[in-house]
Amino acid sequence: MQLLVVEDDDIVRMLMVEVLDDLGYSTLEAGNAAAALRVIEDADQKLALLVTDVGLPDMRGEALAAKAREVRPLLPVLFASGYAESFDVPEGMYLIGKPFSIDQLRDKVSEILRTP
């Protein structure tokens, strides 16, 4: 199972992937929603979690999550947002506010993946 990290900021994406890899997760990455959807629609990819920025250049994170759920209805989604206090998290999805620490990211991902 893999985690898909979708973040348009190359440095932030690289850091998130590095942290998740260091925590023992297998990760895939995408710099925009279009690239993420190609991964999501690939039935050979065994995805355990979608981690997406809310503000992507080609699509809002909420729209990406909705499209992802059309293809993979049970895929957990974790939004990362610098505007967490003003973001309404869709039901059954999760949120982590930017900036976040390595420990916060680890704990949130672990919590989500333990949820049945």
N, C-alpha and C. Protein backbone atom coordinates (compact mmCIF):
# COMPACT_ATOMS: atom_id res chain seq x y z
N MET A 1 0.84 -1.19 0.00
CA MET A 1 0.00 0.00 0.00
C MET A 1 0.88 1.25 0.00
N GLN A 2 0.41 2.24 -0.71
CA GLN A 2 1.19 3.46 -0.85
C GLN A 2 0.36 4.69 -0.46
N LEU A 3 1.08 5.73 -0.11
CA LEU A 3 0.48 7.03 0.16
C LEU A 3 0.77 7.91 -1.05
N LEU A 4 -0.25 8.63 -1.51
CA LEU A 4 -0.07 9.57 -2.61
C LEU A 4 -0.06 10.97 -2.04
N VAL A 5 1.05 11.68 -2.24
CA VAL A 5 1.21 13.05 -1.75
C VAL A 5 1.06 14.00 -2.93
N VAL A 6 0.08 14.91 -2.83
CA VAL A 6 -0.18 15.87 -3.90
C VAL A 6 0.06 17.26 -3.34
N GLU A 7 1.08 17.91 -3.88
CA GLU A 7 1.50 19.24 -3.39
C GLU A 7 2.18 19.95 -4.54
N ASP A 8 1.75 21.18 -4.85
CA ASP A 8 2.34 21.90 -5.97
C ASP A 8 3.67 22.56 -5.64
N ASP A 9 3.96 22.79 -4.39
CA ASP A 9 5.25 23.36 -3.99
C ASP A 9 6.27 22.22 -3.93
N ASP A 10 7.24 22.26 -4.84
CA ASP A 10 8.21 21.16 -4.96
C ASP A 10 8.95 20.87 -3.66
N ILE A 11 9.34 21.91 -2.96
CA ILE A 11 10.12 21.73 -1.73
C ILE A 11 9.25 21.12 -0.63
N VAL A 12 8.03 21.63 -0.47
CA VAL A 12 7.12 21.09 0.54
C VAL A 12 6.81 19.62 0.22
N ARG A 13 6.53 19.33 -1.07
CA ARG A 13 6.23 17.96 -1.47
C ARG A 13 7.42 17.04 -1.18
N MET A 14 8.62 17.49 -1.53
CA MET A 14 9.82 16.69 -1.30
C MET A 14 10.00 16.39 0.19
N LEU A 15 9.79 17.40 1.02
CA LEU A 15 9.94 17.21 2.46
C LEU A 15 8.90 16.25 3.02
N MET A 16 7.66 16.39 2.57
CA MET A 16 6.60 15.49 3.04
C MET A 16 6.90 14.04 2.64
N VAL A 17 7.31 13.85 1.40
CA VAL A 17 7.63 12.50 0.92
C VAL A 17 8.81 11.93 1.69
N GLU A 18 9.82 12.76 1.91
CA GLU A 18 11.00 12.30 2.65
C GLU A 18 10.62 11.88 4.08
N VAL A 19 9.82 12.70 4.74
CA VAL A 19 9.40 12.38 6.11
C VAL A 19 8.60 11.07 6.12
N LEU A 20 7.65 10.95 5.22
CA LEU A 20 6.82 9.74 5.18
C LEU A 20 7.64 8.50 4.84
N ASP A 21 8.58 8.65 3.92
CA ASP A 21 9.48 7.54 3.59
C ASP A 21 10.31 7.15 4.81
N ASP A 22 10.83 8.15 5.52
CA ASP A 22 11.63 7.89 6.72
C ASP A 22 10.81 7.21 7.81
N LEU A 23 9.50 7.45 7.81
CA LEU A 23 8.61 6.82 8.79
C LEU A 23 8.21 5.40 8.38
N GLY A 24 8.70 4.98 7.21
CA GLY A 24 8.45 3.61 6.77
C GLY A 24 7.31 3.44 5.78
N TYR A 25 6.74 4.54 5.33
CA TYR A 25 5.66 4.46 4.35
C TYR A 25 6.24 4.47 2.94
N SER A 26 5.54 3.84 2.03
CA SER A 26 5.88 3.89 0.62
C SER A 26 5.06 5.02 0.02
N THR A 27 5.69 5.91 -0.72
CA THR A 27 4.98 7.09 -1.21
C THR A 27 5.09 7.24 -2.72
N LEU A 28 4.06 7.82 -3.27
CA LEU A 28 4.04 8.32 -4.64
C LEU A 28 3.80 9.81 -4.52
N GLU A 29 4.18 10.56 -5.54
CA GLU A 29 3.98 12.00 -5.45
C GLU A 29 3.45 12.56 -6.76
N ALA A 30 2.73 13.67 -6.62
CA ALA A 30 2.20 14.39 -7.78
C ALA A 30 2.26 15.88 -7.48
N GLY A 31 2.58 16.66 -8.50
CA GLY A 31 2.68 18.11 -8.34
C GLY A 31 1.40 18.85 -8.64
N ASN A 32 0.39 18.13 -9.14
CA ASN A 32 -0.90 18.77 -9.44
C ASN A 32 -1.99 17.70 -9.46
N ALA A 33 -3.22 18.15 -9.58
CA ALA A 33 -4.36 17.24 -9.53
C ALA A 33 -4.40 16.31 -10.73
N ALA A 34 -4.03 16.81 -11.91
CA ALA A 34 -4.06 15.97 -13.11
C ALA A 34 -3.13 14.77 -12.96
N ALA A 35 -1.92 15.00 -12.47
CA ALA A 35 -0.98 13.91 -12.25
C ALA A 35 -1.49 12.96 -11.17
N ALA A 36 -2.10 13.52 -10.15
CA ALA A 36 -2.65 12.69 -9.06
C ALA A 36 -3.77 11.79 -9.59
N LEU A 37 -4.63 12.33 -10.43
CA LEU A 37 -5.75 11.54 -10.96
C LEU A 37 -5.26 10.38 -11.82
N ARG A 38 -4.15 10.59 -12.53
CA ARG A 38 -3.58 9.48 -13.32
C ARG A 38 -3.18 8.32 -12.40
N VAL A 39 -2.60 8.65 -11.25
CA VAL A 39 -2.21 7.62 -10.28
C VAL A 39 -3.46 6.98 -9.68
N ILE A 40 -4.41 7.80 -9.28
CA ILE A 40 -5.64 7.31 -8.64
C ILE A 40 -6.41 6.38 -9.58
N GLU A 41 -6.45 6.71 -10.85
CA GLU A 41 -7.19 5.91 -11.82
C GLU A 41 -6.46 4.65 -12.26
N ASP A 42 -5.19 4.51 -11.89
CA ASP A 42 -4.39 3.33 -12.22
C ASP A 42 -4.72 2.21 -11.22
N ALA A 43 -5.46 1.23 -11.67
CA ALA A 43 -5.91 0.15 -10.78
C ALA A 43 -4.75 -0.66 -10.21
N ASP A 44 -3.59 -0.59 -10.83
CA ASP A 44 -2.43 -1.32 -10.32
C ASP A 44 -1.81 -0.67 -9.08
N GLN A 45 -2.14 0.59 -8.85
CA GLN A 45 -1.62 1.30 -7.67
C GLN A 45 -2.49 0.97 -6.47
N LYS A 46 -1.89 0.45 -5.43
CA LYS A 46 -2.60 0.10 -4.20
C LYS A 46 -2.44 1.26 -3.22
N LEU A 47 -3.40 2.17 -3.22
CA LEU A 47 -3.30 3.38 -2.40
C LEU A 47 -3.98 3.19 -1.05
N ALA A 48 -3.28 3.59 0.00
CA ALA A 48 -3.83 3.53 1.36
C ALA A 48 -4.32 4.89 1.82
N LEU A 49 -3.79 5.98 1.23
CA LEU A 49 -4.12 7.32 1.69
C LEU A 49 -3.77 8.34 0.63
N LEU A 50 -4.64 9.33 0.46
CA LEU A 50 -4.38 10.49 -0.38
C LEU A 50 -4.11 11.66 0.55
N VAL A 51 -2.92 12.26 0.43
CA VAL A 51 -2.56 13.45 1.19
C VAL A 51 -2.48 14.58 0.17
N THR A 52 -3.36 15.56 0.29
CA THR A 52 -3.39 16.60 -0.73
C THR A 52 -3.45 18.00 -0.14
N ASP A 53 -2.76 18.90 -0.80
CA ASP A 53 -2.86 20.32 -0.50
C ASP A 53 -4.27 20.77 -0.89
N VAL A 54 -4.78 21.76 -0.22
CA VAL A 54 -6.10 22.28 -0.56
C VAL A 54 -6.00 23.17 -1.80
N GLY A 55 -4.97 24.00 -1.86
CA GLY A 55 -4.83 24.96 -2.95
C GLY A 55 -3.88 24.48 -4.03
N LEU A 56 -4.38 23.68 -4.95
CA LEU A 56 -3.59 23.22 -6.09
C LEU A 56 -3.85 24.15 -7.27
N PRO A 57 -2.89 24.27 -8.20
CA PRO A 57 -3.06 25.23 -9.29
C PRO A 57 -4.14 24.84 -10.30
N ASP A 58 -4.40 23.55 -10.46
CA ASP A 58 -5.33 23.12 -11.50
C ASP A 58 -6.69 22.64 -10.98
N MET A 59 -6.82 22.51 -9.65
CA MET A 59 -8.08 22.03 -9.07
C MET A 59 -7.99 22.18 -7.56
N ARG A 60 -9.07 22.52 -6.92
CA ARG A 60 -9.09 22.57 -5.45
C ARG A 60 -8.93 21.17 -4.90
N GLY A 61 -8.32 21.05 -3.75
CA GLY A 61 -8.12 19.76 -3.11
C GLY A 61 -9.42 19.03 -2.85
N GLU A 62 -10.48 19.78 -2.52
CA GLU A 62 -11.78 19.15 -2.26
C GLU A 62 -12.32 18.48 -3.53
N ALA A 63 -12.13 19.13 -4.68
CA ALA A 63 -12.60 18.56 -5.95
C ALA A 63 -11.78 17.32 -6.30
N LEU A 64 -10.47 17.38 -6.05
CA LEU A 64 -9.62 16.21 -6.27
C LEU A 64 -10.08 15.05 -5.39
N ALA A 65 -10.35 15.33 -4.13
CA ALA A 65 -10.81 14.29 -3.21
C ALA A 65 -12.13 13.69 -3.69
N ALA A 66 -13.04 14.53 -4.17
CA ALA A 66 -14.33 14.04 -4.67
C ALA A 66 -14.13 13.13 -5.87
N LYS A 67 -13.26 13.51 -6.80
CA LYS A 67 -12.99 12.68 -7.97
C LYS A 67 -12.30 11.38 -7.55
N ALA A 68 -11.39 11.47 -6.59
CA ALA A 68 -10.71 10.28 -6.10
C ALA A 68 -11.71 9.30 -5.50
N ARG A 69 -12.67 9.83 -4.75
CA ARG A 69 -13.67 8.97 -4.10
C ARG A 69 -14.64 8.35 -5.12
N GLU A 70 -14.79 8.97 -6.29
CA GLU A 70 -15.60 8.35 -7.34
C GLU A 70 -14.95 7.06 -7.82
N VAL A 71 -13.62 7.08 -7.89
CA VAL A 71 -12.86 5.93 -8.38
C VAL A 71 -12.56 4.94 -7.25
N ARG A 72 -12.25 5.49 -6.07
CA ARG A 72 -11.88 4.68 -4.90
C ARG A 72 -12.71 5.17 -3.71
N PRO A 73 -13.93 4.69 -3.57
CA PRO A 73 -14.86 5.22 -2.57
C PRO A 73 -14.37 5.14 -1.12
N LEU A 74 -13.49 4.21 -0.81
CA LEU A 74 -13.04 4.04 0.57
C LEU A 74 -11.68 4.67 0.84
N LEU A 75 -11.11 5.36 -0.14
CA LEU A 75 -9.78 5.95 0.03
C LEU A 75 -9.80 7.07 1.06
N PRO A 76 -9.03 6.93 2.14
CA PRO A 76 -8.95 8.03 3.10
C PRO A 76 -8.24 9.24 2.48
N VAL A 77 -8.66 10.42 2.90
CA VAL A 77 -8.09 11.67 2.37
C VAL A 77 -7.67 12.54 3.54
N LEU A 78 -6.43 13.03 3.47
CA LEU A 78 -5.90 13.98 4.44
C LEU A 78 -5.57 15.27 3.70
N PHE A 79 -6.27 16.35 4.07
CA PHE A 79 -5.98 17.66 3.50
C PHE A 79 -4.90 18.34 4.32
N ALA A 80 -3.99 19.02 3.63
CA ALA A 80 -2.99 19.86 4.29
C ALA A 80 -3.28 21.29 3.87
N SER A 81 -3.47 22.17 4.86
CA SER A 81 -3.85 23.54 4.53
C SER A 81 -3.21 24.54 5.46
N GLY A 82 -2.74 25.62 4.88
CA GLY A 82 -2.25 26.74 5.67
C GLY A 82 -3.38 27.57 6.23
N TYR A 83 -4.60 27.26 5.82
CA TYR A 83 -5.79 27.98 6.27
C TYR A 83 -6.74 27.02 6.97
N ALA A 84 -6.19 26.18 7.82
CA ALA A 84 -6.97 25.11 8.46
C ALA A 84 -8.16 25.64 9.25
N GLU A 85 -7.99 26.81 9.87
CA GLU A 85 -9.07 27.33 10.71
C GLU A 85 -10.30 27.74 9.90
N SER A 86 -10.12 27.98 8.60
CA SER A 86 -11.25 28.40 7.77
C SER A 86 -11.67 27.34 6.76
N PHE A 87 -11.16 26.12 6.93
CA PHE A 87 -11.45 25.05 5.97
C PHE A 87 -12.48 24.09 6.56
N ASP A 88 -13.57 23.88 5.84
CA ASP A 88 -14.58 22.91 6.26
C ASP A 88 -14.21 21.55 5.68
N VAL A 89 -13.85 20.63 6.56
CA VAL A 89 -13.41 19.30 6.14
C VAL A 89 -14.63 18.48 5.72
N PRO A 90 -14.61 17.96 4.49
CA PRO A 90 -15.72 17.10 4.08
C PRO A 90 -15.84 15.89 5.01
N GLU A 91 -17.06 15.42 5.18
CA GLU A 91 -17.31 14.30 6.08
C GLU A 91 -16.48 13.09 5.69
N GLY A 92 -15.90 12.44 6.70
CA GLY A 92 -15.11 11.24 6.47
C GLY A 92 -13.70 11.52 5.99
N MET A 93 -13.29 12.78 6.01
CA MET A 93 -11.94 13.16 5.59
C MET A 93 -11.25 13.86 6.76
N TYR A 94 -9.96 14.14 6.60
CA TYR A 94 -9.15 14.64 7.71
C TYR A 94 -8.38 15.89 7.28
N LEU A 95 -7.87 16.61 8.27
CA LEU A 95 -7.15 17.86 8.02
C LEU A 95 -5.95 17.97 8.93
N ILE A 96 -4.85 18.48 8.36
CA ILE A 96 -3.69 18.86 9.15
C ILE A 96 -3.32 20.27 8.70
N GLY A 97 -3.09 21.15 9.68
CA GLY A 97 -2.77 22.54 9.37
C GLY A 97 -1.29 22.72 9.09
N LYS A 98 -1.00 23.51 8.05
CA LYS A 98 0.39 23.88 7.75
C LYS A 98 0.73 25.13 8.53
N PRO A 99 1.93 25.29 9.01
CA PRO A 99 2.99 24.29 8.99
C PRO A 99 2.74 23.24 10.08
N PHE A 100 3.20 22.03 9.83
CA PHE A 100 3.07 20.96 10.81
C PHE A 100 4.43 20.34 11.04
N SER A 101 4.57 19.74 12.21
CA SER A 101 5.83 19.10 12.55
C SER A 101 5.85 17.67 12.02
N ILE A 102 7.02 17.09 12.01
CA ILE A 102 7.16 15.68 11.62
C ILE A 102 6.29 14.82 12.52
N ASP A 103 6.32 15.10 13.82
CA ASP A 103 5.52 14.32 14.77
C ASP A 103 4.03 14.45 14.49
N GLN A 104 3.57 15.65 14.17
CA GLN A 104 2.14 15.85 13.87
C GLN A 104 1.74 15.07 12.62
N LEU A 105 2.59 15.11 11.60
CA LEU A 105 2.30 14.37 10.37
C LEU A 105 2.28 12.87 10.64
N ARG A 106 3.27 12.39 11.37
CA ARG A 106 3.34 10.96 11.71
C ARG A 106 2.10 10.53 12.47
N ASP A 107 1.73 11.31 13.49
CA ASP A 107 0.58 10.94 14.32
C ASP A 107 -0.73 10.96 13.53
N LYS A 108 -0.91 11.96 12.68
CA LYS A 108 -2.15 12.07 11.90
C LYS A 108 -2.25 10.92 10.90
N VAL A 109 -1.18 10.63 10.19
CA VAL A 109 -1.21 9.53 9.21
C VAL A 109 -1.45 8.20 9.92
N SER A 110 -0.78 7.98 11.05
CA SER A 110 -0.97 6.74 11.81
C SER A 110 -2.42 6.61 12.27
N GLU A 111 -2.99 7.71 12.76
CA GLU A 111 -4.38 7.72 13.22
C GLU A 111 -5.34 7.34 12.08
N ILE A 112 -5.13 7.94 10.92
CA ILE A 112 -6.01 7.70 9.78
C ILE A 112 -5.90 6.24 9.32
N LEU A 113 -4.70 5.73 9.23
CA LEU A 113 -4.52 4.38 8.73
C LEU A 113 -4.98 3.31 9.72
N ARG A 114 -5.13 3.68 10.99
CA ARG A 114 -5.69 2.77 11.99
C ARG A 114 -7.20 2.78 12.01
N THR A 115 -7.80 3.83 11.46
CA THR A 115 -9.26 3.96 11.45
C THR A 115 -9.85 2.94 10.49
N PRO A 116 -10.83 2.16 10.96
CA PRO A 116 -11.41 1.15 10.07
C PRO A 116 -12.22 1.76 8.94
